[in-house]
Amino acid sequence: MNTPVSAMSGTLDQLRSLAAQAAGKPAAATADAASAADGDSFASMLKASLDKVSTSQTHALSQAHAFESGSSDASLSDVMIDMQKANIQFQTAVQVRNKLVSAYNDIMQMQV
């Protein structure tokens, strides 16, 4: 049951470190911020986050298929938790994408 909370807190830590990096502030002393300070680019961090979302969705679907086929390894509560976790991660990724597109559009409309 702690896995969804820790995965979400990891995502929040990444978003906070990216926001601090974008604002030009020193990164917080978290594990994700430390890796960002070591030279990880925004693109690589974004790709890693998207890969994590994809992995979560794949795992949730495999759990759902296992439950549907009657496997004793997958319980309904585990399937529902995994599906909700994947859904929240996907919604977070969509919101980050929307913010990036909005920021890009704002930059493109600036007068030089």
C-alpha atoms as a PDB file:
ATOM      1  CA  MET A   1       0.000   0.000   0.000  1.00  0.00           C
ATOM      2  CA  ASN A   2       2.993   2.375   0.441  1.00  0.00           C
ATOM      3  CA  THR A   3       4.074   1.997  -3.169  1.00  0.00           C
ATOM      4  CA  PRO A   4       1.480   4.377  -4.700  1.00  0.00           C
ATOM      5  CA  VAL A   5       2.309   7.053  -2.132  1.00  0.00           C
ATOM      6  CA  SER A   6       6.064   6.741  -2.661  1.00  0.00           C
ATOM      7  CA  ALA A   7       5.655   6.767  -6.447  1.00  0.00           C
ATOM      8  CA  MET A   8       3.517   9.882  -6.252  1.00  0.00           C
ATOM      9  CA  SER A   9       5.922  11.612  -3.875  1.00  0.00           C
ATOM     10  CA  GLY A  10       8.754  10.798  -6.276  1.00  0.00           C
ATOM     11  CA  THR A  11       6.816  12.413  -9.101  1.00  0.00           C
ATOM     12  CA  LEU A  12       6.073  15.452  -6.934  1.00  0.00           C
ATOM     13  CA  ASP A  13       9.756  15.729  -5.999  1.00  0.00           C
ATOM     14  CA  GLN A  14      10.674  15.660  -9.685  1.00  0.00           C
ATOM     15  CA  LEU A  15       8.155  18.378 -10.496  1.00  0.00           C
ATOM     16  CA  ARG A  16       9.376  20.542  -7.609  1.00  0.00           C
ATOM     17  CA  SER A  17      13.008  20.177  -8.652  1.00  0.00           C
ATOM     18  CA  LEU A  18      12.114  21.022 -12.253  1.00  0.00           C
ATOM     19  CA  ALA A  19      10.166  24.074 -11.128  1.00  0.00           C
ATOM     20  CA  ALA A  20      13.082  25.230  -8.983  1.00  0.00           C
ATOM     21  CA  GLN A  21      15.487  24.622 -11.845  1.00  0.00           C
ATOM     22  CA  ALA A  22      13.289  26.565 -14.267  1.00  0.00           C
ATOM     23  CA  ALA A  23      13.007  29.462 -11.823  1.00  0.00           C
ATOM     24  CA  GLY A  24      16.794  29.574 -11.458  1.00  0.00           C
ATOM     25  CA  LYS A  25      16.667  28.670  -7.792  1.00  0.00           C
ATOM     26  CA  PRO A  26      19.013  26.108  -6.268  1.00  0.00           C
ATOM     27  CA  ALA A  27      17.493  22.640  -6.276  1.00  0.00           C
ATOM     28  CA  ALA A  28      16.217  21.132  -3.034  1.00  0.00           C
ATOM     29  CA  ALA A  29      18.215  18.404  -1.336  1.00  0.00           C
ATOM     30  CA  THR A  30      16.187  15.472  -2.612  1.00  0.00           C
ATOM     31  CA  ALA A  31      17.437  12.474  -4.532  1.00  0.00           C
ATOM     32  CA  ASP A  32      15.806  13.661  -7.756  1.00  0.00           C
ATOM     33  CA  ALA A  33      17.106  17.187  -7.302  1.00  0.00           C
ATOM     34  CA  ALA A  34      20.582  15.830  -6.658  1.00  0.00           C
ATOM     35  CA  SER A  35      20.516  13.928  -9.926  1.00  0.00           C
ATOM     36  CA  ALA A  36      19.246  17.081 -11.680  1.00  0.00           C
ATOM     37  CA  ALA A  37      22.123  19.054 -10.210  1.00  0.00           C
ATOM     38  CA  ASP A  38      24.570  16.427 -11.497  1.00  0.00           C
ATOM     39  CA  GLY A  39      23.809  17.398 -15.082  1.00  0.00           C
ATOM     40  CA  ASP A  40      20.685  15.495 -16.101  1.00  0.00           C
ATOM     41  CA  SER A  41      18.942  17.451 -18.785  1.00  0.00           C
ATOM     42  CA  PHE A  42      15.286  18.377 -18.728  1.00  0.00           C
ATOM     43  CA  ALA A  43      14.670  16.138 -21.729  1.00  0.00           C
ATOM     44  CA  SER A  44      16.172  13.084 -20.038  1.00  0.00           C
ATOM     45  CA  MET A  45      14.180  13.731 -16.862  1.00  0.00           C
ATOM     46  CA  LEU A  46      11.005  14.135 -18.896  1.00  0.00           C
ATOM     47  CA  LYS A  47      11.707  10.928 -20.811  1.00  0.00           C
ATOM     48  CA  ALA A  48      12.360   9.038 -17.575  1.00  0.00           C
ATOM     49  CA  SER A  49       9.058  10.285 -16.168  1.00  0.00           C
ATOM     50  CA  LEU A  50       7.177   9.266 -19.296  1.00  0.00           C
ATOM     51  CA  ASP A  51       8.852   5.851 -19.233  1.00  0.00           C
ATOM     52  CA  LYS A  52       7.723   5.446 -15.627  1.00  0.00           C
ATOM     53  CA  VAL A  53       4.138   6.304 -16.637  1.00  0.00           C
ATOM     54  CA  SER A  54       4.298   3.809 -19.497  1.00  0.00           C
ATOM     55  CA  THR A  55       5.661   1.088 -17.228  1.00  0.00           C
ATOM     56  CA  SER A  56       2.946   1.760 -14.679  1.00  0.00           C
ATOM     57  CA  GLN A  57       0.230   1.528 -17.327  1.00  0.00           C
ATOM     58  CA  THR A  58       1.678  -1.702 -18.720  1.00  0.00           C
ATOM     59  CA  HIS A  59       1.843  -3.224 -15.239  1.00  0.00           C
ATOM     60  CA  ALA A  60      -1.739  -2.195 -14.477  1.00  0.00           C
ATOM     61  CA  LEU A  61      -2.982  -3.725 -17.719  1.00  0.00           C
ATOM     62  CA  SER A  62      -1.111  -6.955 -17.100  1.00  0.00           C
ATOM     63  CA  GLN A  63      -2.591  -7.111 -13.593  1.00  0.00           C
ATOM     64  CA  ALA A  64      -6.078  -6.555 -15.039  1.00  0.00           C
ATOM     65  CA  HIS A  65      -5.596  -9.287 -17.638  1.00  0.00           C
ATOM     66  CA  ALA A  66      -4.298 -11.662 -14.958  1.00  0.00           C
ATOM     67  CA  PHE A  67      -7.355 -10.942 -12.803  1.00  0.00           C
ATOM     68  CA  GLU A  68      -9.706 -11.423 -15.759  1.00  0.00           C
ATOM     69  CA  SER A  69      -8.137 -14.771 -16.582  1.00  0.00           C
ATOM     70  CA  GLY A  70      -8.647 -15.932 -12.992  1.00  0.00           C
ATOM     71  CA  SER A  71      -5.041 -15.905 -11.844  1.00  0.00           C
ATOM     72  CA  SER A  72      -4.626 -16.265  -8.086  1.00  0.00           C
ATOM     73  CA  ASP A  73      -1.756 -13.748  -8.148  1.00  0.00           C
ATOM     74  CA  ALA A  74      -3.989 -10.727  -8.807  1.00  0.00           C
ATOM     75  CA  SER A  75      -6.653  -9.556  -6.395  1.00  0.00           C
ATOM     76  CA  LEU A  76      -9.314  -7.029  -7.278  1.00  0.00           C
ATOM     77  CA  SER A  77      -7.959  -4.471  -4.818  1.00  0.00           C
ATOM     78  CA  ASP A  78      -4.449  -4.713  -6.290  1.00  0.00           C
ATOM     79  CA  VAL A  79      -5.827  -4.297  -9.799  1.00  0.00           C
ATOM     80  CA  MET A  80      -7.893  -1.262  -8.821  1.00  0.00           C
ATOM     81  CA  ILE A  81      -4.987   0.362  -6.985  1.00  0.00           C
ATOM     82  CA  ASP A  82      -2.628  -0.201  -9.917  1.00  0.00           C
ATOM     83  CA  MET A  83      -5.187   1.159 -12.381  1.00  0.00           C
ATOM     84  CA  GLN A  84      -5.767   4.289 -10.280  1.00  0.00           C
ATOM     85  CA  LYS A  85      -2.040   4.804  -9.816  1.00  0.00           C
ATOM     86  CA  ALA A  86      -1.491   4.571 -13.568  1.00  0.00           C
ATOM     87  CA  ASN A  87      -4.404   6.922 -14.186  1.00  0.00           C
ATOM     88  CA  ILE A  88      -3.065   9.547 -11.768  1.00  0.00           C
ATOM     89  CA  GLN A  89       0.405   9.334 -13.282  1.00  0.00           C
ATOM     90  CA  PHE A  90      -1.045   9.722 -16.773  1.00  0.00           C
ATOM     91  CA  GLN A  91      -3.135  12.725 -15.717  1.00  0.00           C
ATOM     92  CA  THR A  92      -0.044  14.294 -14.163  1.00  0.00           C
ATOM     93  CA  ALA A  93       1.900  13.762 -17.393  1.00  0.00           C
ATOM     94  CA  VAL A  94      -0.913  15.347 -19.414  1.00  0.00           C
ATOM     95  CA  GLN A  95      -0.970  18.382 -17.116  1.00  0.00           C
ATOM     96  CA  VAL A  96       2.813  18.759 -17.387  1.00  0.00           C
ATOM     97  CA  ARG A  97       2.492  18.572 -21.168  1.00  0.00           C
ATOM     98  CA  ASN A  98      -0.238  21.221 -21.113  1.00  0.00           C
ATOM     99  CA  LYS A  99       1.947  23.532 -19.005  1.00  0.00           C
ATOM    100  CA  LEU A 100       4.900  23.008 -21.344  1.00  0.00           C
ATOM    101  CA  VAL A 101       2.798  23.795 -24.421  1.00  0.00           C
ATOM    102  CA  SER A 102       1.385  26.873 -22.710  1.00  0.00           C
ATOM    103  CA  ALA A 103       4.863  28.076 -21.754  1.00  0.00           C
ATOM    104  CA  TYR A 104       6.105  27.455 -25.295  1.00  0.00           C
ATOM    105  CA  ASN A 105       3.204  29.438 -26.737  1.00  0.00           C
ATOM    106  CA  ASP A 106       3.863  32.305 -24.308  1.00  0.00           C
ATOM    107  CA  ILE A 107       7.523  32.397 -25.329  1.00  0.00           C
ATOM    108  CA  MET A 108       6.651  32.317 -29.018  1.00  0.00           C
ATOM    109  CA  GLN A 109       4.274  35.273 -28.614  1.00  0.00           C
ATOM    110  CA  MET A 110       6.853  37.485 -26.860  1.00  0.00           C
ATOM    111  CA  GLN A 111       7.986  40.586 -28.658  1.00  0.00           C
ATOM    112  CA  VAL A 112      11.716  40.630 -29.273  1.00  0.00           C
END
